[in-house]
PDB file of N, CA and C in Angstrom:
ATOM      1  N   ALA A   1      15.895 -16.515  13.420  1.00  0.00           N
ATOM      2  CA  ALA A   1      14.830 -17.520  13.447  1.00  0.00           C
ATOM      3  C   ALA A   1      14.289 -18.086  12.377  1.00  0.00           C
ATOM      4  N   ASP A   2      13.437 -19.320  12.485  1.00  0.00           N
ATOM      5  CA  ASP A   2      12.739 -19.876  11.130  1.00  0.00           C
ATOM      6  C   ASP A   2      11.791 -18.931  10.519  1.00  0.00           C
ATOM      7  N   TYR A   3      10.914 -18.075  11.487  1.00  0.00           N
ATOM      8  CA  TYR A   3      10.008 -17.374  10.589  1.00  0.00           C
ATOM      9  C   TYR A   3      10.155 -15.747  10.986  1.00  0.00           C
ATOM     10  N   ALA A   4      11.649 -15.354  10.886  1.00  0.00           N
ATOM     11  CA  ALA A   4      11.865 -13.973  10.943  1.00  0.00           C
ATOM     12  C   ALA A   4      11.675 -13.691   9.277  1.00  0.00           C
ATOM     13  N   LEU A   5      10.579 -13.447   8.546  1.00  0.00           N
ATOM     14  CA  LEU A   5      10.521 -13.006   7.344  1.00  0.00           C
ATOM     15  C   LEU A   5       9.810 -12.095   7.109  1.00  0.00           C
ATOM     16  N   ASP A   6      10.461 -10.894   6.118  1.00  0.00           N
ATOM     17  CA  ASP A   6      10.561  -9.540   5.954  1.00  0.00           C
ATOM     18  C   ASP A   6       8.964  -9.764   5.154  1.00  0.00           C
ATOM     19  N   ALA A   7       7.977  -9.771   5.206  1.00  0.00           N
ATOM     20  CA  ALA A   7       6.649  -9.921   4.337  1.00  0.00           C
ATOM     21  C   ALA A   7       5.699  -8.816   4.931  1.00  0.00           C
ATOM     22  N   ASP A   8       4.888  -8.332   3.894  1.00  0.00           N
ATOM     23  CA  ASP A   8       4.001  -7.065   4.145  1.00  0.00           C
ATOM     24  C   ASP A   8       2.825  -7.718   5.045  1.00  0.00           C
ATOM     25  N   CYS A   9       2.726  -9.310   5.216  1.00  0.00           N
ATOM     26  CA  CYS A   9       1.499  -9.733   5.683  1.00  0.00           C
ATOM     27  C   CYS A   9       1.916  -9.840   7.504  1.00  0.00           C
ATOM     28  N   ARG A  10       3.116  -9.693   7.832  1.00  0.00           N
ATOM     29  CA  ARG A  10       3.606 -10.118   9.185  1.00  0.00           C
ATOM     30  C   ARG A  10       4.018  -8.633   9.812  1.00  0.00           C
ATOM     31  N   LYS A  11       3.267  -8.595  10.889  1.00  0.00           N
ATOM     32  CA  LYS A  11       3.090  -7.361  11.748  1.00  0.00           C
ATOM     33  C   LYS A  11       4.651  -6.949  12.103  1.00  0.00           C
ATOM     34  N   PRO A  12       4.799  -5.505  12.166  1.00  0.00           N
ATOM     35  CA  PRO A  12       3.987  -4.661  12.080  1.00  0.00           C
ATOM     36  C   PRO A  12       3.500  -4.208  10.791  1.00  0.00           C
ATOM     37  N   LYS A  13       3.836  -4.449   9.828  1.00  0.00           N
ATOM     38  CA  LYS A  13       3.583  -4.380   8.309  1.00  0.00           C
ATOM     39  C   LYS A  13       1.667  -4.531   8.628  1.00  0.00           C
ATOM     40  N   THR A  14       1.218  -3.665   7.401  1.00  0.00           N
ATOM     41  CA  THR A  14      -0.371  -3.298   7.687  1.00  0.00           C
ATOM     42  C   THR A  14      -1.283  -4.475   6.507  1.00  0.00           C
ATOM     43  N   ALA A  15      -0.552  -4.845   5.964  1.00  0.00           N
ATOM     44  CA  ALA A  15      -1.293  -5.961   4.769  1.00  0.00           C
ATOM     45  C   ALA A  15      -2.033  -6.860   4.951  1.00  0.00           C
ATOM     46  N   MET A  16      -1.826  -7.503   6.326  1.00  0.00           N
ATOM     47  CA  MET A  16      -3.307  -8.456   6.573  1.00  0.00           C
ATOM     48  C   MET A  16      -4.131  -7.869   7.020  1.00  0.00           C
ATOM     49  N   ILE A  17      -4.178  -6.808   7.833  1.00  0.00           N
ATOM     50  CA  ILE A  17      -5.157  -5.673   8.154  1.00  0.00           C
ATOM     51  C   ILE A  17      -6.299  -4.901   6.938  1.00  0.00           C
ATOM     52  N   VAL A  18      -5.423  -4.644   5.842  1.00  0.00           N
ATOM     53  CA  VAL A  18      -5.602  -4.319   4.633  1.00  0.00           C
ATOM     54  C   VAL A  18      -6.529  -5.489   3.901  1.00  0.00           C
ATOM     55  N   GLN A  19      -6.366  -6.483   3.835  1.00  0.00           N
ATOM     56  CA  GLN A  19      -6.546  -7.805   3.041  1.00  0.00           C
ATOM     57  C   GLN A  19      -7.962  -7.868   4.092  1.00  0.00           C
ATOM     58  N   ALA A  20      -8.000  -7.814   5.304  1.00  0.00           N
ATOM     59  CA  ALA A  20      -9.117  -8.192   6.225  1.00  0.00           C
ATOM     60  C   ALA A  20     -10.025  -7.096   5.788  1.00  0.00           C
ATOM     61  N   CYS A  21      -9.914  -5.894   5.539  1.00  0.00           N
ATOM     62  CA  CYS A  21     -10.609  -4.957   5.490  1.00  0.00           C
ATOM     63  C   CYS A  21     -11.435  -4.805   3.765  1.00  0.00           C
ATOM     64  N   LYS A  22     -10.963  -5.284   3.267  1.00  0.00           N
ATOM     65  CA  LYS A  22     -11.365  -5.763   1.823  1.00  0.00           C
ATOM     66  C   LYS A  22     -12.006  -7.079   1.472  1.00  0.00           C
ATOM     67  N   HIS A  23     -12.002  -7.815   2.210  1.00  0.00           N
ATOM     68  CA  HIS A  23     -12.604  -8.835   2.776  1.00  0.00           C
ATOM     69  C   HIS A  23     -13.938  -8.680   3.383  1.00  0.00           C
ATOM     70  N   PHE A  24     -13.454  -7.822   4.136  1.00  0.00           N
ATOM     71  CA  PHE A  24     -14.879  -7.741   5.149  1.00  0.00           C
ATOM     72  C   PHE A  24     -15.662  -6.628   4.986  1.00  0.00           C
ATOM     73  N   GLY A  25     -15.268  -5.423   4.494  1.00  0.00           N
ATOM     74  CA  GLY A  25     -15.949  -4.469   4.331  1.00  0.00           C
ATOM     75  C   GLY A  25     -15.992  -3.450   5.516  1.00  0.00           C
ATOM     76  N   ASN A  26     -16.515  -2.606   5.240  1.00  0.00           N
ATOM     77  CA  ASN A  26     -16.881  -1.523   6.116  1.00  0.00           C
ATOM     78  C   ASN A  26     -15.895  -1.292   7.955  1.00  0.00           C
ATOM     79  N   ILE A  27     -14.826  -1.767   7.751  1.00  0.00           N
ATOM     80  CA  ILE A  27     -14.444  -1.548   8.788  1.00  0.00           C
ATOM     81  C   ILE A  27     -13.547  -0.270   9.023  1.00  0.00           C
ATOM     82  N   ASP A  28     -13.921   0.739  10.167  1.00  0.00           N
ATOM     83  CA  ASP A  28     -13.238   1.656  10.354  1.00  0.00           C
ATOM     84  C   ASP A  28     -12.347   1.553  11.362  1.00  0.00           C
ATOM     85  N   LEU A  29     -10.767   1.889  10.768  1.00  0.00           N
ATOM     86  CA  LEU A  29      -9.821   1.134  11.692  1.00  0.00           C
ATOM     87  C   LEU A  29      -9.447   2.216  12.558  1.00  0.00           C
ATOM     88  N   ASN A  30     -10.041   3.809  12.378  1.00  0.00           N
ATOM     89  CA  ASN A  30      -9.885   4.650  13.200  1.00  0.00           C
ATOM     90  C   ASN A  30     -10.605   4.289  14.948  1.00  0.00           C
ATOM     91  N   HIS A  31     -11.654   3.512  14.374  1.00  0.00           N
ATOM     92  CA  HIS A  31     -12.725   3.162  15.524  1.00  0.00           C
ATOM     93  C   HIS A  31     -12.239   1.575  16.052  1.00  0.00           C
ATOM     94  N   SER A  32     -11.074   1.015  15.825  1.00  0.00           N
ATOM     95  CA  SER A  32     -10.992  -0.572  16.191  1.00  0.00           C
ATOM     96  C   SER A  32      -9.575  -0.364  16.971  1.00  0.00           C
ATOM     97  N   PHE A  33      -9.711  -1.599  17.334  1.00  0.00           N
ATOM     98  CA  PHE A  33      -8.628  -1.726  18.707  1.00  0.00           C
ATOM     99  C   PHE A  33      -7.769  -3.238  18.236  1.00  0.00           C
ATOM    100  N   VAL A  34      -6.471  -3.342  18.205  1.00  0.00           N
ATOM    101  CA  VAL A  34      -5.475  -4.305  18.573  1.00  0.00           C
ATOM    102  C   VAL A  34      -5.153  -4.603  20.002  1.00  0.00           C
ATOM    103  N   ILE A  35      -5.216  -5.702  20.366  1.00  0.00           N
ATOM    104  CA  ILE A  35      -4.829  -6.562  21.636  1.00  0.00           C
ATOM    105  C   ILE A  35      -3.579  -7.330  21.617  1.00  0.00           C
ATOM    106  N   GLY A  36      -2.549  -7.294  22.450  1.00  0.00           N
ATOM    107  CA  GLY A  36      -1.449  -8.126  21.901  1.00  0.00           C
ATOM    108  C   GLY A  36      -0.319  -7.690  22.982  1.00  0.00           C
ATOM    109  N   ASP A  37       0.697  -8.636  23.220  1.00  0.00           N
ATOM    110  CA  ASP A  37       1.418  -8.567  24.352  1.00  0.00           C
ATOM    111  C   ASP A  37       3.179  -8.126  23.960  1.00  0.00           C
ATOM    112  N   LYS A  38       3.183  -7.573  22.597  1.00  0.00           N
ATOM    113  CA  LYS A  38       4.401  -7.674  21.623  1.00  0.00           C
ATOM    114  C   LYS A  38       4.251  -6.238  21.669  1.00  0.00           C
ATOM    115  N   ALA A  39       5.801  -5.486  21.300  1.00  0.00           N
ATOM    116  CA  ALA A  39       5.835  -4.359  20.820  1.00  0.00           C
ATOM    117  C   ALA A  39       5.405  -4.158  19.564  1.00  0.00           C
ATOM    118  N   SER A  40       5.392  -5.088  18.564  1.00  0.00           N
ATOM    119  CA  SER A  40       5.291  -5.258  17.362  1.00  0.00           C
ATOM    120  C   SER A  40       4.098  -5.083  17.262  1.00  0.00           C
ATOM    121  N   ASP A  41       2.825  -5.449  17.706  1.00  0.00           N
ATOM    122  CA  ASP A  41       1.382  -5.492  17.949  1.00  0.00           C
ATOM    123  C   ASP A  41       0.854  -3.656  18.320  1.00  0.00           C
ATOM    124  N   ILE A  42       1.761  -3.545  19.213  1.00  0.00           N
ATOM    125  CA  ILE A  42       1.225  -2.034  19.329  1.00  0.00           C
ATOM    126  C   ILE A  42       1.938  -1.131  18.372  1.00  0.00           C
ATOM    127  N   GLU A  43       2.938  -1.600  17.225  1.00  0.00           N
ATOM    128  CA  GLU A  43       3.601  -0.717  16.222  1.00  0.00           C
ATOM    129  C   GLU A  43       2.361  -1.087  15.198  1.00  0.00           C
ATOM    130  N   PHE A  44       2.182  -2.278  15.249  1.00  0.00           N
ATOM    131  CA  PHE A  44       0.945  -2.526  14.151  1.00  0.00           C
ATOM    132  C   PHE A  44      -0.085  -1.998  14.184  1.00  0.00           C
ATOM    133  N   ALA A  45      -0.577  -1.943  15.306  1.00  0.00           N
ATOM    134  CA  ALA A  45      -2.152  -0.727  15.800  1.00  0.00           C
ATOM    135  C   ALA A  45      -2.014   0.461  15.175  1.00  0.00           C
ATOM    136  N   HIS A  46      -0.561   1.221  15.824  1.00  0.00           N
ATOM    137  CA  HIS A  46      -0.137   2.110  15.433  1.00  0.00           C
ATOM    138  C   HIS A  46      -0.378   2.454  13.610  1.00  0.00           C
ATOM    139  N   ASN A  47       0.120   1.840  12.889  1.00  0.00           N
ATOM    140  CA  ASN A  47       0.618   1.518  11.448  1.00  0.00           C
ATOM    141  C   ASN A  47      -0.596   1.612  10.708  1.00  0.00           C
ATOM    142  N   ALA A  48      -1.649   0.765  11.347  1.00  0.00           N
ATOM    143  CA  ALA A  48      -3.094   0.574  10.923  1.00  0.00           C
ATOM    144  C   ALA A  48      -4.361   1.703  11.302  1.00  0.00           C
ATOM    145  N   GLY A  49      -3.699   2.859  11.934  1.00  0.00           N
ATOM    146  CA  GLY A  49      -4.519   3.344  12.494  1.00  0.00           C
ATOM    147  C   GLY A  49      -5.259   3.338  13.779  1.00  0.00           C
ATOM    148  N   CYS A  50      -5.405   2.030  14.393  1.00  0.00           N
ATOM    149  CA  CYS A  50      -5.943   1.221  15.576  1.00  0.00           C
ATOM    150  C   CYS A  50      -5.787   2.166  16.766  1.00  0.00           C
ATOM    151  N   LYS A  51      -6.298   1.535  18.148  1.00  0.00           N
ATOM    152  CA  LYS A  51      -6.018   1.910  19.201  1.00  0.00           C
ATOM    153  C   LYS A  51      -5.013   0.522  19.583  1.00  0.00           C
ATOM    154  N   GLY A  52      -3.931   0.778  20.288  1.00  0.00           N
ATOM    155  CA  GLY A  52      -3.391  -0.527  20.591  1.00  0.00           C
ATOM    156  C   GLY A  52      -3.382  -0.676  21.831  1.00  0.00           C
ATOM    157  N   ILE A  53      -3.909  -1.782  22.426  1.00  0.00           N
ATOM    158  CA  ILE A  53      -3.559  -2.470  24.001  1.00  0.00           C
ATOM    159  C   ILE A  53      -2.388  -3.039  24.267  1.00  0.00           C
ATOM    160  N   LEU A  54      -1.904  -2.948  25.142  1.00  0.00           N
ATOM    161  CA  LEU A  54      -0.859  -4.133  25.243  1.00  0.00           C
ATOM    162  C   LEU A  54      -1.072  -4.805  26.451  1.00  0.00           C
ATOM    163  N   VAL A  55      -1.016  -6.064  26.418  1.00  0.00           N
ATOM    164  CA  VAL A  55      -1.276  -6.756  27.693  1.00  0.00           C
ATOM    165  C   VAL A  55      -0.322  -7.570  28.585  1.00  0.00           C
ATOM    166  N   LYS A  56      -0.262  -7.384  29.696  1.00  0.00           N
ATOM    167  CA  LYS A  56       1.081  -8.024  30.462  1.00  0.00           C
ATOM    168  C   LYS A  56       1.031  -9.266  30.633  1.00  0.00           C
ATOM    169  N   THR A  57       0.294 -10.148  30.427  1.00  0.00           N
ATOM    170  CA  THR A  57       0.575 -11.598  29.879  1.00  0.00           C
ATOM    171  C   THR A  57       1.015 -11.564  28.701  1.00  0.00           C
ATOM    172  N   GLY A  58       1.738 -12.808  28.851  1.00  0.00           N
ATOM    173  CA  GLY A  58       2.310 -13.485  27.724  1.00  0.00           C
ATOM    174  C   GLY A  58       3.769 -12.506  27.789  1.00  0.00           C
ATOM    175  N   TYR A  59       4.315 -12.062  26.693  1.00  0.00           N
ATOM    176  CA  TYR A  59       5.556 -11.424  26.484  1.00  0.00           C
ATOM    177  C   TYR A  59       5.347  -9.397  27.080  1.00  0.00           C
ATOM    178  N   GLY A  60       4.345  -9.553  27.554  1.00  0.00           N
ATOM    179  CA  GLY A  60       3.652  -8.300  27.856  1.00  0.00           C
ATOM    180  C   GLY A  60       4.719  -7.486  28.835  1.00  0.00           C
ATOM    181  N   GLU A  61       4.814  -7.980  29.950  1.00  0.00           N
ATOM    182  CA  GLU A  61       5.431  -7.782  31.393  1.00  0.00           C
ATOM    183  C   GLU A  61       6.862  -7.351  30.668  1.00  0.00           C
ATOM    184  N   ARG A  62       7.735  -8.545  29.959  1.00  0.00           N
ATOM    185  CA  ARG A  62       8.900  -8.224  29.511  1.00  0.00           C
ATOM    186  C   ARG A  62       9.203  -7.012  28.710  1.00  0.00           C
ATOM    187  N   VAL A  63       8.430  -7.106  27.263  1.00  0.00           N
ATOM    188  CA  VAL A  63       8.188  -5.885  26.859  1.00  0.00           C
ATOM    189  C   VAL A  63       8.147  -4.653  27.553  1.00  0.00           C
ATOM    190  N   LEU A  64       7.050  -4.368  28.682  1.00  0.00           N
ATOM    191  CA  LEU A  64       7.297  -3.008  29.480  1.00  0.00           C
ATOM    192  C   LEU A  64       8.577  -3.256  30.155  1.00  0.00           C
ATOM    193  N   ALA A  65       9.253  -4.217  30.771  1.00  0.00           N
ATOM    194  CA  ALA A  65      10.755  -3.726  31.658  1.00  0.00           C
ATOM    195  C   ALA A  65      11.567  -3.842  30.498  1.00  0.00           C
ATOM    196  N   GLY A  66      11.552  -3.854  29.061  1.00  0.00           N
ATOM    197  CA  GLY A  66      12.652  -3.610  28.066  1.00  0.00           C
ATOM    198  C   GLY A  66      13.451  -4.986  27.722  1.00  0.00           C
ATOM    199  N   LYS A  67      12.804  -5.705  28.031  1.00  0.00           N
ATOM    200  CA  LYS A  67      13.648  -6.985  28.050  1.00  0.00           C
ATOM    201  C   LYS A  67      13.474  -7.862  26.999  1.00  0.00           C
ATOM    202  N   TYR A  68      12.397  -7.351  25.834  1.00  0.00           N
ATOM    203  CA  TYR A  68      11.577  -8.035  24.973  1.00  0.00           C
ATOM    204  C   TYR A  68      11.081  -6.888  24.177  1.00  0.00           C
ATOM    205  N   GLN A  69      11.304  -6.678  22.819  1.00  0.00           N
ATOM    206  CA  GLN A  69      10.922  -6.018  21.867  1.00  0.00           C
ATOM    207  C   GLN A  69      11.426  -4.809  22.414  1.00  0.00           C
ATOM    208  N   PHE A  70      11.037  -3.823  22.071  1.00  0.00           N
ATOM    209  CA  PHE A  70      11.403  -2.519  22.601  1.00  0.00           C
ATOM    210  C   PHE A  70      10.024  -1.487  21.915  1.00  0.00           C
ATOM    211  N   LEU A  71       9.446  -0.995  22.711  1.00  0.00           N
ATOM    212  CA  LEU A  71       8.356   0.080  22.160  1.00  0.00           C
ATOM    213  C   LEU A  71       8.428   1.736  21.939  1.00  0.00           C
ATOM    214  N   ALA A  72       8.440   2.175  20.950  1.00  0.00           N
ATOM    215  CA  ALA A  72       9.006   3.263  20.046  1.00  0.00           C
ATOM    216  C   ALA A  72       8.559   4.057  21.433  1.00  0.00           C
ATOM    217  N   THR A  73       9.792   4.983  21.658  1.00  0.00           N
ATOM    218  CA  THR A  73       9.723   6.073  22.204  1.00  0.00           C
ATOM    219  C   THR A  73       8.604   6.749  22.019  1.00  0.00           C
ATOM    220  N   GLN A  74       8.128   7.222  21.206  1.00  0.00           N
ATOM    221  CA  GLN A  74       7.452   8.637  21.178  1.00  0.00           C
ATOM    222  C   GLN A  74       5.955   8.154  19.944  1.00  0.00           C
ATOM    223  N   VAL A  75       6.369   7.134  18.906  1.00  0.00           N
ATOM    224  CA  VAL A  75       5.531   6.559  17.734  1.00  0.00           C
ATOM    225  C   VAL A  75       4.608   5.859  18.100  1.00  0.00           C
ATOM    226  N   ALA A  76       4.878   4.443  18.763  1.00  0.00           N
ATOM    227  CA  ALA A  76       3.995   3.645  18.871  1.00  0.00           C
ATOM    228  C   ALA A  76       4.085   2.968  20.121  1.00  0.00           C
ATOM    229  N   GLN A  77       3.005   3.991  21.459  1.00  0.00           N
ATOM    230  CA  GLN A  77       2.612   3.893  22.207  1.00  0.00           C
ATOM    231  C   GLN A  77       1.774   3.319  22.715  1.00  0.00           C
ATOM    232  N   PRO A  78       1.195   2.185  23.537  1.00  0.00           N
ATOM    233  CA  PRO A  78      -0.082   1.565  23.751  1.00  0.00           C
ATOM    234  C   PRO A  78      -1.426   2.737  24.382  1.00  0.00           C
ATOM    235  N   TRP A  79      -2.384   2.521  23.806  1.00  0.00           N
ATOM    236  CA  TRP A  79      -3.238   3.329  23.954  1.00  0.00           C
ATOM    237  C   TRP A  79      -3.598   2.904  25.451  1.00  0.00           C
ATOM    238  N   ARG A  80      -3.540   2.002  25.952  1.00  0.00           N
ATOM    239  CA  ARG A  80      -4.059   1.462  26.926  1.00  0.00           C
ATOM    240  C   ARG A  80      -3.060   0.319  27.355  1.00  0.00           C
ATOM    241  N   ILE A  81      -2.607  -0.071  28.910  1.00  0.00           N
ATOM    242  CA  ILE A  81      -2.180  -1.469  29.240  1.00  0.00           C
ATOM    243  C   ILE A  81      -2.836  -1.882  30.011  1.00  0.00           C
ATOM    244  N   CYS A  82      -3.355  -2.851  30.085  1.00  0.00           N
ATOM    245  CA  CYS A  82      -4.179  -3.858  30.493  1.00  0.00           C
ATOM    246  C   CYS A  82      -3.405  -5.001  31.304  1.00  0.00           C
ATOM    247  N   GLU A  83      -3.547  -5.693  32.618  1.00  0.00           N
ATOM    248  CA  GLU A  83      -3.410  -6.533  33.331  1.00  0.00           C
ATOM    249  C   GLU A  83      -3.646  -7.727  32.269  1.00  0.00           C
ATOM    250  N   ASP A  84      -4.535  -8.265  31.645  1.00  0.00           N
ATOM    251  CA  ASP A  84      -5.013  -9.618  30.380  1.00  0.00           C
ATOM    252  C   ASP A  84      -6.025  -9.179  29.487  1.00  0.00           C
ATOM    253  N   ILE A  85      -6.322 -10.435  28.843  1.00  0.00           N
ATOM    254  CA  ILE A  85      -7.127 -10.300  28.155  1.00  0.00           C
ATOM    255  C   ILE A  85      -8.662  -9.798  28.236  1.00  0.00           C
ATOM    256  N   GLN A  86      -8.817 -10.017  29.600  1.00  0.00           N
ATOM    257  CA  GLN A  86     -10.128  -9.817  29.792  1.00  0.00           C
ATOM    258  C   GLN A  86     -10.390  -8.426  29.899  1.00  0.00           C
ATOM    259  N   HIS A  87      -9.140  -8.016  30.768  1.00  0.00           N
ATOM    260  CA  HIS A  87      -9.148  -6.505  31.339  1.00  0.00           C
ATOM    261  C   HIS A  87      -9.390  -5.657  30.109  1.00  0.00           C
ATOM    262  N   ALA A  88      -8.630  -6.334  28.832  1.00  0.00           N
ATOM    263  CA  ALA A  88      -8.391  -5.604  27.573  1.00  0.00           C
ATOM    264  C   ALA A  88      -9.897  -5.069  26.899  1.00  0.00           C
ATOM    265  N   VAL A  89     -10.583  -6.445  26.824  1.00  0.00           N
ATOM    266  CA  VAL A  89     -12.171  -6.341  26.545  1.00  0.00           C
ATOM    267  C   VAL A  89     -12.662  -5.683  27.292  1.00  0.00           C
ATOM    268  N   ASP A  90     -12.798  -5.464  28.829  1.00  0.00           N
ATOM    269  CA  ASP A  90     -13.736  -4.842  29.388  1.00  0.00           C
ATOM    270  C   ASP A  90     -13.343  -3.251  29.295  1.00  0.00           C
ATOM    271  N   THR A  91     -11.805  -3.146  28.672  1.00  0.00           N
ATOM    272  CA  THR A  91     -11.406  -1.603  28.821  1.00  0.00           C
ATOM    273  C   THR A  91     -12.344  -1.060  27.368  1.00  0.00           C
ATOM    274  N   VAL A  92     -12.124  -2.139  26.234  1.00  0.00           N
ATOM    275  CA  VAL A  92     -12.372  -1.725  25.152  1.00  0.00           C
ATOM    276  C   VAL A  92     -14.224  -1.244  25.247  1.00  0.00           C
ATOM    277  N   LEU A  93     -14.970  -2.204  25.929  1.00  0.00           N
ATOM    278  CA  LEU A  93     -16.514  -2.626  26.108  1.00  0.00           C
ATOM    279  C   LEU A  93     -16.577  -1.102  26.610  1.00  0.00           C
ATOM    280  N   ALA A  94     -15.962  -0.967  27.772  1.00  0.00           N
ATOM    281  CA  ALA A  94     -16.174   0.802  28.316  1.00  0.00           C
ATOM    282  C   ALA A  94     -16.064   1.871  27.546  1.00  0.00           C
ATOM    283  N   HIS A  95     -14.975   1.923  26.883  1.00  0.00           N
ATOM    284  CA  HIS A  95     -14.615   2.820  26.325  1.00  0.00           C
ATOM    285  C   HIS A  95     -15.941   3.342  24.990  1.00  0.00           C
ATOM    286  N   LEU A  96     -16.085   1.606  24.434  1.00  0.00           N
ATOM    287  CA  LEU A  96     -17.239   1.997  23.334  1.00  0.00           C
ATOM    288  C   LEU A  96     -18.429   2.584  23.973  1.00  0.00           C
ATOM    289  N   HIS A  97     -18.740   2.086  25.389  1.00  0.00           N
ATOM    290  CA  HIS A  97     -19.922   2.367  25.866  1.00  0.00           C
ATOM    291  C   HIS A  97     -19.912   4.144  26.620  1.00  0.00           C
ATOM    292  N   SER A  98     -18.820   4.774  26.448  1.00  0.00           N
ATOM    293  CA  SER A  98     -18.632   6.051  26.604  1.00  0.00           C
ATOM    294  C   SER A  98     -18.437   7.105  25.630  1.00  0.00           C
ATOM    295  N   GLU A  99     -18.075   6.192  24.135  1.00  0.00           N
ATOM    296  CA  GLU A  99     -18.123   6.981  23.111  1.00  0.00           C
ATOM    297  C   GLU A  99     -19.628   7.273  22.642  1.00  0.00           C
ATOM    298  N   LYS A 100     -20.415   5.703  23.151  1.00  0.00           N
ATOM    299  CA  LYS A 100     -21.787   6.144  22.960  1.00  0.00           C
ATOM    300  C   LYS A 100     -22.521   6.888  23.343  1.00  0.00           C
ATOM    301  N   THR A 101     -22.662   7.008  25.044  1.00  0.00           N
ATOM    302  CA  THR A 101     -22.967   8.148  25.662  1.00  0.00           C
ATOM    303  C   THR A 101     -22.579   9.562  25.160  1.00  0.00           C
ATOM    304  N   VAL A 102     -21.387   9.659  24.731  1.00  0.00           N
ATOM    305  CA  VAL A 102     -20.867  11.121  24.637  1.00  0.00           C
ATOM    306  C   VAL A 102     -21.757  11.681  23.092  1.00  0.00           C
ATOM    307  N   ASN A 103     -21.888  10.489  22.296  1.00  0.00           N
ATOM    308  CA  ASN A 103     -21.894  10.775  20.931  1.00  0.00           C
ATOM    309  C   ASN A 103     -23.202  10.585  20.297  1.00  0.00           C
ATOM    310  N   ASN A 104     -24.127   9.639  21.773  1.00  0.00           N
ATOM    311  CA  ASN A 104     -25.232   9.152  21.351  1.00  0.00           C
ATOM    312  C   ASN A 104     -25.577   8.342  19.921  1.00  0.00           C
ATOM    313  N   VAL A 105     -24.550   7.401  19.560  1.00  0.00           N
ATOM    314  CA  VAL A 105     -24.625   6.787  18.501  1.00  0.00           C
ATOM    315  C   VAL A 105     -24.552   5.250  19.152  1.00  0.00           C
ATOM    316  N   SER A 106     -24.689   4.286  18.471  1.00  0.00           N
ATOM    317  CA  SER A 106     -24.342   2.790  18.441  1.00  0.00           C
ATOM    318  C   SER A 106     -23.052   2.568  17.827  1.00  0.00           C
ATOM    319  N   PRO A 107     -21.896   2.413  18.783  1.00  0.00           N
ATOM    320  CA  PRO A 107     -20.867   1.952  17.992  1.00  0.00           C
ATOM    321  C   PRO A 107     -20.753   0.295  17.632  1.00  0.00           C
ATOM    322  N   SER A 108     -20.128   0.138  16.533  1.00  0.00           N
ATOM    323  CA  SER A 108     -19.883  -0.928  16.115  1.00  0.00           C
ATOM    324  C   SER A 108     -18.564  -1.757  16.712  1.00  0.00           C
ATOM    325  N   VAL A 109     -19.007  -3.020  16.758  1.00  0.00           N
ATOM    326  CA  VAL A 109     -17.569  -3.701  17.382  1.00  0.00           C
ATOM    327  C   VAL A 109     -17.363  -4.814  16.537  1.00  0.00           C
TER     328      VAL A 109
END
């Protein structure tokens, strides 16, 4: 493939998010989310220390069926699997709300 380069800035490697953290500062990756439709997105989330959400749209259904990329058996499983991006956003917001309620702190999005 034309774009099949092995570069540190390509997922699932983390140079892209490390650069964003340096540029924007104060990003807590342990409390961050990656939403994607590929196994490489979930592996990227895992490698960066984020919660990975696999959406079933795009390539997501094929990934889940084992027909496109493969989810690592134990290492990089999705934190959640959602029907689409809206469901993923709703899931993140519900999680942040429950964290805020439990910890009585204001989560940063």
